[in-house]
Protein backbone atom coordinates (compact mmCIF):
# COMPACT_ATOMS: atom_id res chain seq x y z
CA MET A 1 -2.07 -112.70 2.36
CA LYS A 2 -0.88 -109.18 2.38
CA ARG A 3 -4.30 -107.89 2.79
CA ASP A 4 -4.89 -110.20 5.79
CA ILE A 5 -1.55 -109.12 7.36
CA ARG A 6 -2.61 -105.37 7.01
CA ARG A 7 -6.19 -106.00 8.41
CA VAL A 8 -4.91 -107.68 11.60
CA SER A 9 -2.07 -105.15 11.95
CA LEU A 10 -4.46 -102.20 11.64
CA PHE A 11 -6.72 -103.64 14.15
CA TYR A 12 -3.99 -104.02 16.85
CA ASP A 13 -2.57 -100.55 15.73
CA ASP A 14 -6.02 -98.90 16.37
CA VAL A 15 -6.33 -100.92 19.60
CA GLY A 16 -2.74 -99.53 20.57
CA LYS A 17 -3.78 -95.95 19.88
CA LEU A 18 -6.63 -96.32 22.17
CA VAL A 19 -4.52 -97.65 25.01
CA ALA A 20 -1.54 -95.17 24.39
CA HIS A 21 -3.96 -92.13 24.57
CA GLY A 22 -5.83 -93.39 27.71
CA VAL A 23 -9.15 -93.90 25.86
CA VAL A 24 -9.24 -97.50 27.01
CA GLU A 25 -7.34 -99.03 30.14
CA GLU A 26 -4.29 -101.05 29.39
CA SER A 27 -5.21 -103.55 31.89
CA LEU A 28 -8.56 -104.22 30.04
CA ILE A 29 -6.89 -104.89 26.73
CA ILE A 30 -3.84 -106.87 28.06
CA GLY A 31 -6.17 -108.95 30.26
CA SER A 32 -8.29 -109.73 27.20
CA TYR A 33 -5.91 -109.87 24.17
CA GLY A 34 -2.38 -109.94 25.82
CA LEU A 35 -1.18 -113.31 24.54
CA ASN A 36 -2.74 -112.75 20.98
CA ILE A 37 -1.10 -109.28 20.79
CA VAL A 38 2.30 -110.80 21.50
CA ASN A 39 1.78 -113.61 19.37
CA MET A 40 0.55 -111.61 16.38
CA TRP A 41 3.44 -109.20 16.66
CA ASP A 42 6.03 -111.93 16.74
CA VAL A 43 4.61 -113.36 13.68
CA LEU A 44 3.78 -109.91 11.81
CA ALA A 45 6.88 -107.89 12.95
CA PRO A 46 9.18 -108.84 10.03
CA TYR A 47 6.46 -107.86 7.57
CA ILE A 48 5.91 -104.63 9.42
CA TYR A 49 9.63 -103.84 9.62
CA LYS A 50 9.98 -104.44 5.82
CA GLU A 51 6.84 -102.28 5.11
CA ARG A 52 8.63 -99.49 7.22
CA ILE A 53 11.76 -99.57 5.11
CA LEU A 54 9.73 -99.45 1.84
CA THR A 55 7.16 -96.84 2.86
CA THR A 56 6.44 -95.21 6.19
CA LYS A 57 6.66 -95.70 10.01
CA ALA A 58 3.82 -98.16 10.01
CA MET A 59 2.09 -99.79 13.09
CA LEU A 60 3.97 -97.91 15.84
CA TYR A 61 1.07 -98.23 18.08
CA PHE A 62 0.80 -101.88 17.50
CA GLU A 63 4.54 -102.27 18.30
CA ASP A 64 4.04 -100.25 21.55
CA LEU A 65 1.04 -102.40 22.45
CA ALA A 66 2.99 -105.61 22.00
CA ALA A 67 5.80 -104.11 24.25
CA ARG A 68 3.36 -103.27 26.83
CA ALA A 69 1.66 -106.71 26.71
CA LYS A 70 5.16 -108.44 26.90
CA ALA A 71 6.13 -106.49 29.89
CA ARG A 72 2.83 -107.10 31.70
CA PRO A 73 1.55 -110.81 31.27
CA MET A 74 -2.21 -111.36 31.05
CA GLU A 75 -2.15 -113.16 34.33
CA SER A 76 -1.04 -110.14 36.10
CA VAL A 77 -3.98 -107.98 35.18
CA HIS A 78 -6.84 -110.39 35.61
CA ALA A 79 -9.31 -109.65 38.38
CA HIS A 80 -9.00 -111.64 41.38
């Protein structure tokens, strides 16, 4: 299970890096994955926070991406 948590978290952390550094438009990612980002963060955050206490400041970009997705719902970025 820990491996699965890490795999999903790393994926969203990498996507968050791309968004944070302007490589990919935030609206494209939130429009496509917004609800999944929020749901995954809500489920995985306790594990990630525990990991941060034990080791390093893990998954900061994932946390940032989740905050962006919570502040900007998918519906608000879909093309009309």
